[in-house]
PDBML (XML) file of the C-alpha atoms, coordinates in Angstrom:
<?xml version="1.0" encoding="UTF-8" ?>
<PDBx:datablock datablockName="MODEL"
   xmlns:PDBx="http://pdbml.pdb.org/schema/pdbx-v50.xsd"
   xmlns:xsi="http://www.w3.org/2001/XMLSchema-instance"
   xsi:schemaLocation="http://pdbml.pdb.org/schema/pdbx-v50.xsd pdbx-v50.xsd">
   <PDBx:atom_siteCategory>
      <PDBx:atom_site id="1">
         <PDBx:B_iso_or_equiv>0.00</PDBx:B_iso_or_equiv>
         <PDBx:Cartn_x>110.065</PDBx:Cartn_x>
         <PDBx:Cartn_y>113.882</PDBx:Cartn_y>
         <PDBx:Cartn_z>120.181</PDBx:Cartn_z>
         <PDBx:auth_asym_id>A</PDBx:auth_asym_id>
         <PDBx:auth_atom_id>CA</PDBx:auth_atom_id>
         <PDBx:auth_comp_id>LYS</PDBx:auth_comp_id>
         <PDBx:auth_seq_id>1</PDBx:auth_seq_id>
         <PDBx:group_PDB>ATOM</PDBx:group_PDB>
         <PDBx:label_alt_id xsi:nil="true" />
         <PDBx:label_asym_id>A</PDBx:label_asym_id>
         <PDBx:label_atom_id>CA</PDBx:label_atom_id>
         <PDBx:label_comp_id>LYS</PDBx:label_comp_id>
         <PDBx:label_entity_id>1</PDBx:label_entity_id>
         <PDBx:label_seq_id>1</PDBx:label_seq_id>
         <PDBx:occupancy>1.00</PDBx:occupancy>
         <PDBx:pdbx_PDB_model_num>1</PDBx:pdbx_PDB_model_num>
         <PDBx:type_symbol>C</PDBx:type_symbol>
      </PDBx:atom_site>
      <PDBx:atom_site id="2">
         <PDBx:B_iso_or_equiv>0.00</PDBx:B_iso_or_equiv>
         <PDBx:Cartn_x>112.285</PDBx:Cartn_x>
         <PDBx:Cartn_y>111.401</PDBx:Cartn_y>
         <PDBx:Cartn_z>122.036</PDBx:Cartn_z>
         <PDBx:auth_asym_id>A</PDBx:auth_asym_id>
         <PDBx:auth_atom_id>CA</PDBx:auth_atom_id>
         <PDBx:auth_comp_id>ASN</PDBx:auth_comp_id>
         <PDBx:auth_seq_id>2</PDBx:auth_seq_id>
         <PDBx:group_PDB>ATOM</PDBx:group_PDB>
         <PDBx:label_alt_id xsi:nil="true" />
         <PDBx:label_asym_id>A</PDBx:label_asym_id>
         <PDBx:label_atom_id>CA</PDBx:label_atom_id>
         <PDBx:label_comp_id>ASN</PDBx:label_comp_id>
         <PDBx:label_entity_id>1</PDBx:label_entity_id>
         <PDBx:label_seq_id>2</PDBx:label_seq_id>
         <PDBx:occupancy>1.00</PDBx:occupancy>
         <PDBx:pdbx_PDB_model_num>1</PDBx:pdbx_PDB_model_num>
         <PDBx:type_symbol>C</PDBx:type_symbol>
      </PDBx:atom_site>
      <PDBx:atom_site id="3">
         <PDBx:B_iso_or_equiv>0.00</PDBx:B_iso_or_equiv>
         <PDBx:Cartn_x>110.228</PDBx:Cartn_x>
         <PDBx:Cartn_y>108.418</PDBx:Cartn_y>
         <PDBx:Cartn_z>120.949</PDBx:Cartn_z>
         <PDBx:auth_asym_id>A</PDBx:auth_asym_id>
         <PDBx:auth_atom_id>CA</PDBx:auth_atom_id>
         <PDBx:auth_comp_id>VAL</PDBx:auth_comp_id>
         <PDBx:auth_seq_id>3</PDBx:auth_seq_id>
         <PDBx:group_PDB>ATOM</PDBx:group_PDB>
         <PDBx:label_alt_id xsi:nil="true" />
         <PDBx:label_asym_id>A</PDBx:label_asym_id>
         <PDBx:label_atom_id>CA</PDBx:label_atom_id>
         <PDBx:label_comp_id>VAL</PDBx:label_comp_id>
         <PDBx:label_entity_id>1</PDBx:label_entity_id>
         <PDBx:label_seq_id>3</PDBx:label_seq_id>
         <PDBx:occupancy>1.00</PDBx:occupancy>
         <PDBx:pdbx_PDB_model_num>1</PDBx:pdbx_PDB_model_num>
         <PDBx:type_symbol>C</PDBx:type_symbol>
      </PDBx:atom_site>
      <PDBx:atom_site id="4">
         <PDBx:B_iso_or_equiv>0.00</PDBx:B_iso_or_equiv>
         <PDBx:Cartn_x>111.786</PDBx:Cartn_x>
         <PDBx:Cartn_y>104.967</PDBx:Cartn_y>
         <PDBx:Cartn_z>120.990</PDBx:Cartn_z>
         <PDBx:auth_asym_id>A</PDBx:auth_asym_id>
         <PDBx:auth_atom_id>CA</PDBx:auth_atom_id>
         <PDBx:auth_comp_id>ASP</PDBx:auth_comp_id>
         <PDBx:auth_seq_id>4</PDBx:auth_seq_id>
         <PDBx:group_PDB>ATOM</PDBx:group_PDB>
         <PDBx:label_alt_id xsi:nil="true" />
         <PDBx:label_asym_id>A</PDBx:label_asym_id>
         <PDBx:label_atom_id>CA</PDBx:label_atom_id>
         <PDBx:label_comp_id>ASP</PDBx:label_comp_id>
         <PDBx:label_entity_id>1</PDBx:label_entity_id>
         <PDBx:label_seq_id>4</PDBx:label_seq_id>
         <PDBx:occupancy>1.00</PDBx:occupancy>
         <PDBx:pdbx_PDB_model_num>1</PDBx:pdbx_PDB_model_num>
         <PDBx:type_symbol>C</PDBx:type_symbol>
      </PDBx:atom_site>
      <PDBx:atom_site id="5">
         <PDBx:B_iso_or_equiv>0.00</PDBx:B_iso_or_equiv>
         <PDBx:Cartn_x>114.573</PDBx:Cartn_x>
         <PDBx:Cartn_y>104.212</PDBx:Cartn_y>
         <PDBx:Cartn_z>118.550</PDBx:Cartn_z>
         <PDBx:auth_asym_id>A</PDBx:auth_asym_id>
         <PDBx:auth_atom_id>CA</PDBx:auth_atom_id>
         <PDBx:auth_comp_id>TRP</PDBx:auth_comp_id>
         <PDBx:auth_seq_id>5</PDBx:auth_seq_id>
         <PDBx:group_PDB>ATOM</PDBx:group_PDB>
         <PDBx:label_alt_id xsi:nil="true" />
         <PDBx:label_asym_id>A</PDBx:label_asym_id>
         <PDBx:label_atom_id>CA</PDBx:label_atom_id>
         <PDBx:label_comp_id>TRP</PDBx:label_comp_id>
         <PDBx:label_entity_id>1</PDBx:label_entity_id>
         <PDBx:label_seq_id>5</PDBx:label_seq_id>
         <PDBx:occupancy>1.00</PDBx:occupancy>
         <PDBx:pdbx_PDB_model_num>1</PDBx:pdbx_PDB_model_num>
         <PDBx:type_symbol>C</PDBx:type_symbol>
      </PDBx:atom_site>
      <PDBx:atom_site id="6">
         <PDBx:B_iso_or_equiv>0.00</PDBx:B_iso_or_equiv>
         <PDBx:Cartn_x>112.600</PDBx:Cartn_x>
         <PDBx:Cartn_y>101.661</PDBx:Cartn_y>
         <PDBx:Cartn_z>116.518</PDBx:Cartn_z>
         <PDBx:auth_asym_id>A</PDBx:auth_asym_id>
         <PDBx:auth_atom_id>CA</PDBx:auth_atom_id>
         <PDBx:auth_comp_id>PHE</PDBx:auth_comp_id>
         <PDBx:auth_seq_id>6</PDBx:auth_seq_id>
         <PDBx:group_PDB>ATOM</PDBx:group_PDB>
         <PDBx:label_alt_id xsi:nil="true" />
         <PDBx:label_asym_id>A</PDBx:label_asym_id>
         <PDBx:label_atom_id>CA</PDBx:label_atom_id>
         <PDBx:label_comp_id>PHE</PDBx:label_comp_id>
         <PDBx:label_entity_id>1</PDBx:label_entity_id>
         <PDBx:label_seq_id>6</PDBx:label_seq_id>
         <PDBx:occupancy>1.00</PDBx:occupancy>
         <PDBx:pdbx_PDB_model_num>1</PDBx:pdbx_PDB_model_num>
         <PDBx:type_symbol>C</PDBx:type_symbol>
      </PDBx:atom_site>
      <PDBx:atom_site id="7">
         <PDBx:B_iso_or_equiv>0.00</PDBx:B_iso_or_equiv>
         <PDBx:Cartn_x>109.702</PDBx:Cartn_x>
         <PDBx:Cartn_y>104.062</PDBx:Cartn_y>
         <PDBx:Cartn_z>115.911</PDBx:Cartn_z>
         <PDBx:auth_asym_id>A</PDBx:auth_asym_id>
         <PDBx:auth_atom_id>CA</PDBx:auth_atom_id>
         <PDBx:auth_comp_id>SER</PDBx:auth_comp_id>
         <PDBx:auth_seq_id>7</PDBx:auth_seq_id>
         <PDBx:group_PDB>ATOM</PDBx:group_PDB>
         <PDBx:label_alt_id xsi:nil="true" />
         <PDBx:label_asym_id>A</PDBx:label_asym_id>
         <PDBx:label_atom_id>CA</PDBx:label_atom_id>
         <PDBx:label_comp_id>SER</PDBx:label_comp_id>
         <PDBx:label_entity_id>1</PDBx:label_entity_id>
         <PDBx:label_seq_id>7</PDBx:label_seq_id>
         <PDBx:occupancy>1.00</PDBx:occupancy>
         <PDBx:pdbx_PDB_model_num>1</PDBx:pdbx_PDB_model_num>
         <PDBx:type_symbol>C</PDBx:type_symbol>
      </PDBx:atom_site>
      <PDBx:atom_site id="8">
         <PDBx:B_iso_or_equiv>0.00</PDBx:B_iso_or_equiv>
         <PDBx:Cartn_x>112.080</PDBx:Cartn_x>
         <PDBx:Cartn_y>106.904</PDBx:Cartn_y>
         <PDBx:Cartn_z>115.087</PDBx:Cartn_z>
         <PDBx:auth_asym_id>A</PDBx:auth_asym_id>
         <PDBx:auth_atom_id>CA</PDBx:auth_atom_id>
         <PDBx:auth_comp_id>THR</PDBx:auth_comp_id>
         <PDBx:auth_seq_id>8</PDBx:auth_seq_id>
         <PDBx:group_PDB>ATOM</PDBx:group_PDB>
         <PDBx:label_alt_id xsi:nil="true" />
         <PDBx:label_asym_id>A</PDBx:label_asym_id>
         <PDBx:label_atom_id>CA</PDBx:label_atom_id>
         <PDBx:label_comp_id>THR</PDBx:label_comp_id>
         <PDBx:label_entity_id>1</PDBx:label_entity_id>
         <PDBx:label_seq_id>8</PDBx:label_seq_id>
         <PDBx:occupancy>1.00</PDBx:occupancy>
         <PDBx:pdbx_PDB_model_num>1</PDBx:pdbx_PDB_model_num>
         <PDBx:type_symbol>C</PDBx:type_symbol>
      </PDBx:atom_site>
      <PDBx:atom_site id="9">
         <PDBx:B_iso_or_equiv>0.00</PDBx:B_iso_or_equiv>
         <PDBx:Cartn_x>113.646</PDBx:Cartn_x>
         <PDBx:Cartn_y>104.855</PDBx:Cartn_y>
         <PDBx:Cartn_z>112.294</PDBx:Cartn_z>
         <PDBx:auth_asym_id>A</PDBx:auth_asym_id>
         <PDBx:auth_atom_id>CA</PDBx:auth_atom_id>
         <PDBx:auth_comp_id>GLN</PDBx:auth_comp_id>
         <PDBx:auth_seq_id>9</PDBx:auth_seq_id>
         <PDBx:group_PDB>ATOM</PDBx:group_PDB>
         <PDBx:label_alt_id xsi:nil="true" />
         <PDBx:label_asym_id>A</PDBx:label_asym_id>
         <PDBx:label_atom_id>CA</PDBx:label_atom_id>
         <PDBx:label_comp_id>GLN</PDBx:label_comp_id>
         <PDBx:label_entity_id>1</PDBx:label_entity_id>
         <PDBx:label_seq_id>9</PDBx:label_seq_id>
         <PDBx:occupancy>1.00</PDBx:occupancy>
         <PDBx:pdbx_PDB_model_num>1</PDBx:pdbx_PDB_model_num>
         <PDBx:type_symbol>C</PDBx:type_symbol>
      </PDBx:atom_site>
      <PDBx:atom_site id="10">
         <PDBx:B_iso_or_equiv>0.00</PDBx:B_iso_or_equiv>
         <PDBx:Cartn_x>110.313</PDBx:Cartn_x>
         <PDBx:Cartn_y>103.712</PDBx:Cartn_y>
         <PDBx:Cartn_z>110.834</PDBx:Cartn_z>
         <PDBx:auth_asym_id>A</PDBx:auth_asym_id>
         <PDBx:auth_atom_id>CA</PDBx:auth_atom_id>
         <PDBx:auth_comp_id>LEU</PDBx:auth_comp_id>
         <PDBx:auth_seq_id>10</PDBx:auth_seq_id>
         <PDBx:group_PDB>ATOM</PDBx:group_PDB>
         <PDBx:label_alt_id xsi:nil="true" />
         <PDBx:label_asym_id>A</PDBx:label_asym_id>
         <PDBx:label_atom_id>CA</PDBx:label_atom_id>
         <PDBx:label_comp_id>LEU</PDBx:label_comp_id>
         <PDBx:label_entity_id>1</PDBx:label_entity_id>
         <PDBx:label_seq_id>10</PDBx:label_seq_id>
         <PDBx:occupancy>1.00</PDBx:occupancy>
         <PDBx:pdbx_PDB_model_num>1</PDBx:pdbx_PDB_model_num>
         <PDBx:type_symbol>C</PDBx:type_symbol>
      </PDBx:atom_site>
      <PDBx:atom_site id="11">
         <PDBx:B_iso_or_equiv>0.00</PDBx:B_iso_or_equiv>
         <PDBx:Cartn_x>108.743</PDBx:Cartn_x>
         <PDBx:Cartn_y>107.184</PDBx:Cartn_y>
         <PDBx:Cartn_z>110.862</PDBx:Cartn_z>
         <PDBx:auth_asym_id>A</PDBx:auth_asym_id>
         <PDBx:auth_atom_id>CA</PDBx:auth_atom_id>
         <PDBx:auth_comp_id>GLN</PDBx:auth_comp_id>
         <PDBx:auth_seq_id>11</PDBx:auth_seq_id>
         <PDBx:group_PDB>ATOM</PDBx:group_PDB>
         <PDBx:label_alt_id xsi:nil="true" />
         <PDBx:label_asym_id>A</PDBx:label_asym_id>
         <PDBx:label_atom_id>CA</PDBx:label_atom_id>
         <PDBx:label_comp_id>GLN</PDBx:label_comp_id>
         <PDBx:label_entity_id>1</PDBx:label_entity_id>
         <PDBx:label_seq_id>11</PDBx:label_seq_id>
         <PDBx:occupancy>1.00</PDBx:occupancy>
         <PDBx:pdbx_PDB_model_num>1</PDBx:pdbx_PDB_model_num>
         <PDBx:type_symbol>C</PDBx:type_symbol>
      </PDBx:atom_site>
      <PDBx:atom_site id="12">
         <PDBx:B_iso_or_equiv>0.00</PDBx:B_iso_or_equiv>
         <PDBx:Cartn_x>111.647</PDBx:Cartn_x>
         <PDBx:Cartn_y>108.622</PDBx:Cartn_y>
         <PDBx:Cartn_z>108.860</PDBx:Cartn_z>
         <PDBx:auth_asym_id>A</PDBx:auth_asym_id>
         <PDBx:auth_atom_id>CA</PDBx:auth_atom_id>
         <PDBx:auth_comp_id>ALA</PDBx:auth_comp_id>
         <PDBx:auth_seq_id>12</PDBx:auth_seq_id>
         <PDBx:group_PDB>ATOM</PDBx:group_PDB>
         <PDBx:label_alt_id xsi:nil="true" />
         <PDBx:label_asym_id>A</PDBx:label_asym_id>
         <PDBx:label_atom_id>CA</PDBx:label_atom_id>
         <PDBx:label_comp_id>ALA</PDBx:label_comp_id>
         <PDBx:label_entity_id>1</PDBx:label_entity_id>
         <PDBx:label_seq_id>12</PDBx:label_seq_id>
         <PDBx:occupancy>1.00</PDBx:occupancy>
         <PDBx:pdbx_PDB_model_num>1</PDBx:pdbx_PDB_model_num>
         <PDBx:type_symbol>C</PDBx:type_symbol>
      </PDBx:atom_site>
      <PDBx:atom_site id="13">
         <PDBx:B_iso_or_equiv>0.00</PDBx:B_iso_or_equiv>
         <PDBx:Cartn_x>112.201</PDBx:Cartn_x>
         <PDBx:Cartn_y>105.963</PDBx:Cartn_y>
         <PDBx:Cartn_z>106.189</PDBx:Cartn_z>
         <PDBx:auth_asym_id>A</PDBx:auth_asym_id>
         <PDBx:auth_atom_id>CA</PDBx:auth_atom_id>
         <PDBx:auth_comp_id>THR</PDBx:auth_comp_id>
         <PDBx:auth_seq_id>13</PDBx:auth_seq_id>
         <PDBx:group_PDB>ATOM</PDBx:group_PDB>
         <PDBx:label_alt_id xsi:nil="true" />
         <PDBx:label_asym_id>A</PDBx:label_asym_id>
         <PDBx:label_atom_id>CA</PDBx:label_atom_id>
         <PDBx:label_comp_id>THR</PDBx:label_comp_id>
         <PDBx:label_entity_id>1</PDBx:label_entity_id>
         <PDBx:label_seq_id>13</PDBx:label_seq_id>
         <PDBx:occupancy>1.00</PDBx:occupancy>
         <PDBx:pdbx_PDB_model_num>1</PDBx:pdbx_PDB_model_num>
         <PDBx:type_symbol>C</PDBx:type_symbol>
      </PDBx:atom_site>
      <PDBx:atom_site id="14">
         <PDBx:B_iso_or_equiv>0.00</PDBx:B_iso_or_equiv>
         <PDBx:Cartn_x>110.359</PDBx:Cartn_x>
         <PDBx:Cartn_y>104.456</PDBx:Cartn_y>
         <PDBx:Cartn_z>103.252</PDBx:Cartn_z>
         <PDBx:auth_asym_id>A</PDBx:auth_asym_id>
         <PDBx:auth_atom_id>CA</PDBx:auth_atom_id>
         <PDBx:auth_comp_id>CYS</PDBx:auth_comp_id>
         <PDBx:auth_seq_id>14</PDBx:auth_seq_id>
         <PDBx:group_PDB>ATOM</PDBx:group_PDB>
         <PDBx:label_alt_id xsi:nil="true" />
         <PDBx:label_asym_id>A</PDBx:label_asym_id>
         <PDBx:label_atom_id>CA</PDBx:label_atom_id>
         <PDBx:label_comp_id>CYS</PDBx:label_comp_id>
         <PDBx:label_entity_id>1</PDBx:label_entity_id>
         <PDBx:label_seq_id>14</PDBx:label_seq_id>
         <PDBx:occupancy>1.00</PDBx:occupancy>
         <PDBx:pdbx_PDB_model_num>1</PDBx:pdbx_PDB_model_num>
         <PDBx:type_symbol>C</PDBx:type_symbol>
      </PDBx:atom_site>
      <PDBx:atom_site id="15">
         <PDBx:B_iso_or_equiv>0.00</PDBx:B_iso_or_equiv>
         <PDBx:Cartn_x>111.259</PDBx:Cartn_x>
         <PDBx:Cartn_y>101.905</PDBx:Cartn_y>
         <PDBx:Cartn_z>100.609</PDBx:Cartn_z>
         <PDBx:auth_asym_id>A</PDBx:auth_asym_id>
         <PDBx:auth_atom_id>CA</PDBx:auth_atom_id>
         <PDBx:auth_comp_id>ASN</PDBx:auth_comp_id>
         <PDBx:auth_seq_id>15</PDBx:auth_seq_id>
         <PDBx:group_PDB>ATOM</PDBx:group_PDB>
         <PDBx:label_alt_id xsi:nil="true" />
         <PDBx:label_asym_id>A</PDBx:label_asym_id>
         <PDBx:label_atom_id>CA</PDBx:label_atom_id>
         <PDBx:label_comp_id>ASN</PDBx:label_comp_id>
         <PDBx:label_entity_id>1</PDBx:label_entity_id>
         <PDBx:label_seq_id>15</PDBx:label_seq_id>
         <PDBx:occupancy>1.00</PDBx:occupancy>
         <PDBx:pdbx_PDB_model_num>1</PDBx:pdbx_PDB_model_num>
         <PDBx:type_symbol>C</PDBx:type_symbol>
      </PDBx:atom_site>
      <PDBx:atom_site id="16">
         <PDBx:B_iso_or_equiv>0.00</PDBx:B_iso_or_equiv>
         <PDBx:Cartn_x>111.242</PDBx:Cartn_x>
         <PDBx:Cartn_y>102.194</PDBx:Cartn_y>
         <PDBx:Cartn_z>96.841</PDBx:Cartn_z>
         <PDBx:auth_asym_id>A</PDBx:auth_asym_id>
         <PDBx:auth_atom_id>CA</PDBx:auth_atom_id>
         <PDBx:auth_comp_id>VAL</PDBx:auth_comp_id>
         <PDBx:auth_seq_id>16</PDBx:auth_seq_id>
         <PDBx:group_PDB>ATOM</PDBx:group_PDB>
         <PDBx:label_alt_id xsi:nil="true" />
         <PDBx:label_asym_id>A</PDBx:label_asym_id>
         <PDBx:label_atom_id>CA</PDBx:label_atom_id>
         <PDBx:label_comp_id>VAL</PDBx:label_comp_id>
         <PDBx:label_entity_id>1</PDBx:label_entity_id>
         <PDBx:label_seq_id>16</PDBx:label_seq_id>
         <PDBx:occupancy>1.00</PDBx:occupancy>
         <PDBx:pdbx_PDB_model_num>1</PDBx:pdbx_PDB_model_num>
         <PDBx:type_symbol>C</PDBx:type_symbol>
      </PDBx:atom_site>
      <PDBx:atom_site id="17">
         <PDBx:B_iso_or_equiv>0.00</PDBx:B_iso_or_equiv>
         <PDBx:Cartn_x>110.071</PDBx:Cartn_x>
         <PDBx:Cartn_y>99.432</PDBx:Cartn_y>
         <PDBx:Cartn_z>94.515</PDBx:Cartn_z>
         <PDBx:auth_asym_id>A</PDBx:auth_asym_id>
         <PDBx:auth_atom_id>CA</PDBx:auth_atom_id>
         <PDBx:auth_comp_id>HIS</PDBx:auth_comp_id>
         <PDBx:auth_seq_id>17</PDBx:auth_seq_id>
         <PDBx:group_PDB>ATOM</PDBx:group_PDB>
         <PDBx:label_alt_id xsi:nil="true" />
         <PDBx:label_asym_id>A</PDBx:label_asym_id>
         <PDBx:label_atom_id>CA</PDBx:label_atom_id>
         <PDBx:label_comp_id>HIS</PDBx:label_comp_id>
         <PDBx:label_entity_id>1</PDBx:label_entity_id>
         <PDBx:label_seq_id>17</PDBx:label_seq_id>
         <PDBx:occupancy>1.00</PDBx:occupancy>
         <PDBx:pdbx_PDB_model_num>1</PDBx:pdbx_PDB_model_num>
         <PDBx:type_symbol>C</PDBx:type_symbol>
      </PDBx:atom_site>
      <PDBx:atom_site id="18">
         <PDBx:B_iso_or_equiv>0.00</PDBx:B_iso_or_equiv>
         <PDBx:Cartn_x>112.630</PDBx:Cartn_x>
         <PDBx:Cartn_y>96.689</PDBx:Cartn_y>
         <PDBx:Cartn_z>94.052</PDBx:Cartn_z>
         <PDBx:auth_asym_id>A</PDBx:auth_asym_id>
         <PDBx:auth_atom_id>CA</PDBx:auth_atom_id>
         <PDBx:auth_comp_id>GLN</PDBx:auth_comp_id>
         <PDBx:auth_seq_id>18</PDBx:auth_seq_id>
         <PDBx:group_PDB>ATOM</PDBx:group_PDB>
         <PDBx:label_alt_id xsi:nil="true" />
         <PDBx:label_asym_id>A</PDBx:label_asym_id>
         <PDBx:label_atom_id>CA</PDBx:label_atom_id>
         <PDBx:label_comp_id>GLN</PDBx:label_comp_id>
         <PDBx:label_entity_id>1</PDBx:label_entity_id>
         <PDBx:label_seq_id>18</PDBx:label_seq_id>
         <PDBx:occupancy>1.00</PDBx:occupancy>
         <PDBx:pdbx_PDB_model_num>1</PDBx:pdbx_PDB_model_num>
         <PDBx:type_symbol>C</PDBx:type_symbol>
      </PDBx:atom_site>
      <PDBx:atom_site id="19">
         <PDBx:B_iso_or_equiv>0.00</PDBx:B_iso_or_equiv>
         <PDBx:Cartn_x>113.994</PDBx:Cartn_x>
         <PDBx:Cartn_y>95.978</PDBx:Cartn_y>
         <PDBx:Cartn_z>90.601</PDBx:Cartn_z>
         <PDBx:auth_asym_id>A</PDBx:auth_asym_id>
         <PDBx:auth_atom_id>CA</PDBx:auth_atom_id>
         <PDBx:auth_comp_id>SER</PDBx:auth_comp_id>
         <PDBx:auth_seq_id>19</PDBx:auth_seq_id>
         <PDBx:group_PDB>ATOM</PDBx:group_PDB>
         <PDBx:label_alt_id xsi:nil="true" />
         <PDBx:label_asym_id>A</PDBx:label_asym_id>
         <PDBx:label_atom_id>CA</PDBx:label_atom_id>
         <PDBx:label_comp_id>SER</PDBx:label_comp_id>
         <PDBx:label_entity_id>1</PDBx:label_entity_id>
         <PDBx:label_seq_id>19</PDBx:label_seq_id>
         <PDBx:occupancy>1.00</PDBx:occupancy>
         <PDBx:pdbx_PDB_model_num>1</PDBx:pdbx_PDB_model_num>
         <PDBx:type_symbol>C</PDBx:type_symbol>
      </PDBx:atom_site>
      <PDBx:atom_site id="20">
         <PDBx:B_iso_or_equiv>0.00</PDBx:B_iso_or_equiv>
         <PDBx:Cartn_x>117.392</PDBx:Cartn_x>
         <PDBx:Cartn_y>95.145</PDBx:Cartn_y>
         <PDBx:Cartn_z>89.180</PDBx:Cartn_z>
         <PDBx:auth_asym_id>A</PDBx:auth_asym_id>
         <PDBx:auth_atom_id>CA</PDBx:auth_atom_id>
         <PDBx:auth_comp_id>PHE</PDBx:auth_comp_id>
         <PDBx:auth_seq_id>20</PDBx:auth_seq_id>
         <PDBx:group_PDB>ATOM</PDBx:group_PDB>
         <PDBx:label_alt_id xsi:nil="true" />
         <PDBx:label_asym_id>A</PDBx:label_asym_id>
         <PDBx:label_atom_id>CA</PDBx:label_atom_id>
         <PDBx:label_comp_id>PHE</PDBx:label_comp_id>
         <PDBx:label_entity_id>1</PDBx:label_entity_id>
         <PDBx:label_seq_id>20</PDBx:label_seq_id>
         <PDBx:occupancy>1.00</PDBx:occupancy>
         <PDBx:pdbx_PDB_model_num>1</PDBx:pdbx_PDB_model_num>
         <PDBx:type_symbol>C</PDBx:type_symbol>
      </PDBx:atom_site>
      <PDBx:atom_site id="21">
         <PDBx:B_iso_or_equiv>0.00</PDBx:B_iso_or_equiv>
         <PDBx:Cartn_x>117.798</PDBx:Cartn_x>
         <PDBx:Cartn_y>98.757</PDBx:Cartn_y>
         <PDBx:Cartn_z>88.028</PDBx:Cartn_z>
         <PDBx:auth_asym_id>A</PDBx:auth_asym_id>
         <PDBx:auth_atom_id>CA</PDBx:auth_atom_id>
         <PDBx:auth_comp_id>PHE</PDBx:auth_comp_id>
         <PDBx:auth_seq_id>21</PDBx:auth_seq_id>
         <PDBx:group_PDB>ATOM</PDBx:group_PDB>
         <PDBx:label_alt_id xsi:nil="true" />
         <PDBx:label_asym_id>A</PDBx:label_asym_id>
         <PDBx:label_atom_id>CA</PDBx:label_atom_id>
         <PDBx:label_comp_id>PHE</PDBx:label_comp_id>
         <PDBx:label_entity_id>1</PDBx:label_entity_id>
         <PDBx:label_seq_id>21</PDBx:label_seq_id>
         <PDBx:occupancy>1.00</PDBx:occupancy>
         <PDBx:pdbx_PDB_model_num>1</PDBx:pdbx_PDB_model_num>
         <PDBx:type_symbol>C</PDBx:type_symbol>
      </PDBx:atom_site>
      <PDBx:atom_site id="22">
         <PDBx:B_iso_or_equiv>0.00</PDBx:B_iso_or_equiv>
         <PDBx:Cartn_x>116.605</PDBx:Cartn_x>
         <PDBx:Cartn_y>100.321</PDBx:Cartn_y>
         <PDBx:Cartn_z>91.303</PDBx:Cartn_z>
         <PDBx:auth_asym_id>A</PDBx:auth_asym_id>
         <PDBx:auth_atom_id>CA</PDBx:auth_atom_id>
         <PDBx:auth_comp_id>ASN</PDBx:auth_comp_id>
         <PDBx:auth_seq_id>22</PDBx:auth_seq_id>
         <PDBx:group_PDB>ATOM</PDBx:group_PDB>
         <PDBx:label_alt_id xsi:nil="true" />
         <PDBx:label_asym_id>A</PDBx:label_asym_id>
         <PDBx:label_atom_id>CA</PDBx:label_atom_id>
         <PDBx:label_comp_id>ASN</PDBx:label_comp_id>
         <PDBx:label_entity_id>1</PDBx:label_entity_id>
         <PDBx:label_seq_id>22</PDBx:label_seq_id>
         <PDBx:occupancy>1.00</PDBx:occupancy>
         <PDBx:pdbx_PDB_model_num>1</PDBx:pdbx_PDB_model_num>
         <PDBx:type_symbol>C</PDBx:type_symbol>
      </PDBx:atom_site>
      <PDBx:atom_site id="23">
         <PDBx:B_iso_or_equiv>0.00</PDBx:B_iso_or_equiv>
         <PDBx:Cartn_x>118.896</PDBx:Cartn_x>
         <PDBx:Cartn_y>98.070</PDBx:Cartn_y>
         <PDBx:Cartn_z>93.343</PDBx:Cartn_z>
         <PDBx:auth_asym_id>A</PDBx:auth_asym_id>
         <PDBx:auth_atom_id>CA</PDBx:auth_atom_id>
         <PDBx:auth_comp_id>ASP</PDBx:auth_comp_id>
         <PDBx:auth_seq_id>23</PDBx:auth_seq_id>
         <PDBx:group_PDB>ATOM</PDBx:group_PDB>
         <PDBx:label_alt_id xsi:nil="true" />
         <PDBx:label_asym_id>A</PDBx:label_asym_id>
         <PDBx:label_atom_id>CA</PDBx:label_atom_id>
         <PDBx:label_comp_id>ASP</PDBx:label_comp_id>
         <PDBx:label_entity_id>1</PDBx:label_entity_id>
         <PDBx:label_seq_id>23</PDBx:label_seq_id>
         <PDBx:occupancy>1.00</PDBx:occupancy>
         <PDBx:pdbx_PDB_model_num>1</PDBx:pdbx_PDB_model_num>
         <PDBx:type_symbol>C</PDBx:type_symbol>
      </PDBx:atom_site>
      <PDBx:atom_site id="24">
         <PDBx:B_iso_or_equiv>0.00</PDBx:B_iso_or_equiv>
         <PDBx:Cartn_x>121.886</PDBx:Cartn_x>
         <PDBx:Cartn_y>99.105</PDBx:Cartn_y>
         <PDBx:Cartn_z>91.222</PDBx:Cartn_z>
         <PDBx:auth_asym_id>A</PDBx:auth_asym_id>
         <PDBx:auth_atom_id>CA</PDBx:auth_atom_id>
         <PDBx:auth_comp_id>TRP</PDBx:auth_comp_id>
         <PDBx:auth_seq_id>24</PDBx:auth_seq_id>
         <PDBx:group_PDB>ATOM</PDBx:group_PDB>
         <PDBx:label_alt_id xsi:nil="true" />
         <PDBx:label_asym_id>A</PDBx:label_asym_id>
         <PDBx:label_atom_id>CA</PDBx:label_atom_id>
         <PDBx:label_comp_id>TRP</PDBx:label_comp_id>
         <PDBx:label_entity_id>1</PDBx:label_entity_id>
         <PDBx:label_seq_id>24</PDBx:label_seq_id>
         <PDBx:occupancy>1.00</PDBx:occupancy>
         <PDBx:pdbx_PDB_model_num>1</PDBx:pdbx_PDB_model_num>
         <PDBx:type_symbol>C</PDBx:type_symbol>
      </PDBx:atom_site>
      <PDBx:atom_site id="25">
         <PDBx:B_iso_or_equiv>0.00</PDBx:B_iso_or_equiv>
         <PDBx:Cartn_x>120.928</PDBx:Cartn_x>
         <PDBx:Cartn_y>102.775</PDBx:Cartn_y>
         <PDBx:Cartn_z>90.869</PDBx:Cartn_z>
         <PDBx:auth_asym_id>A</PDBx:auth_asym_id>
         <PDBx:auth_atom_id>CA</PDBx:auth_atom_id>
         <PDBx:auth_comp_id>PHE</PDBx:auth_comp_id>
         <PDBx:auth_seq_id>25</PDBx:auth_seq_id>
         <PDBx:group_PDB>ATOM</PDBx:group_PDB>
         <PDBx:label_alt_id xsi:nil="true" />
         <PDBx:label_asym_id>A</PDBx:label_asym_id>
         <PDBx:label_atom_id>CA</PDBx:label_atom_id>
         <PDBx:label_comp_id>PHE</PDBx:label_comp_id>
         <PDBx:label_entity_id>1</PDBx:label_entity_id>
         <PDBx:label_seq_id>25</PDBx:label_seq_id>
         <PDBx:occupancy>1.00</PDBx:occupancy>
         <PDBx:pdbx_PDB_model_num>1</PDBx:pdbx_PDB_model_num>
         <PDBx:type_symbol>C</PDBx:type_symbol>
      </PDBx:atom_site>
   </PDBx:atom_siteCategory>
</PDBx:datablock>
């Protein structure tokens, strides 16, 4: 949709809960 770069990145990404295992995995 040719939106700004910052919005493009945020719309397409999500985080997963942080833990020692998740960081390593």
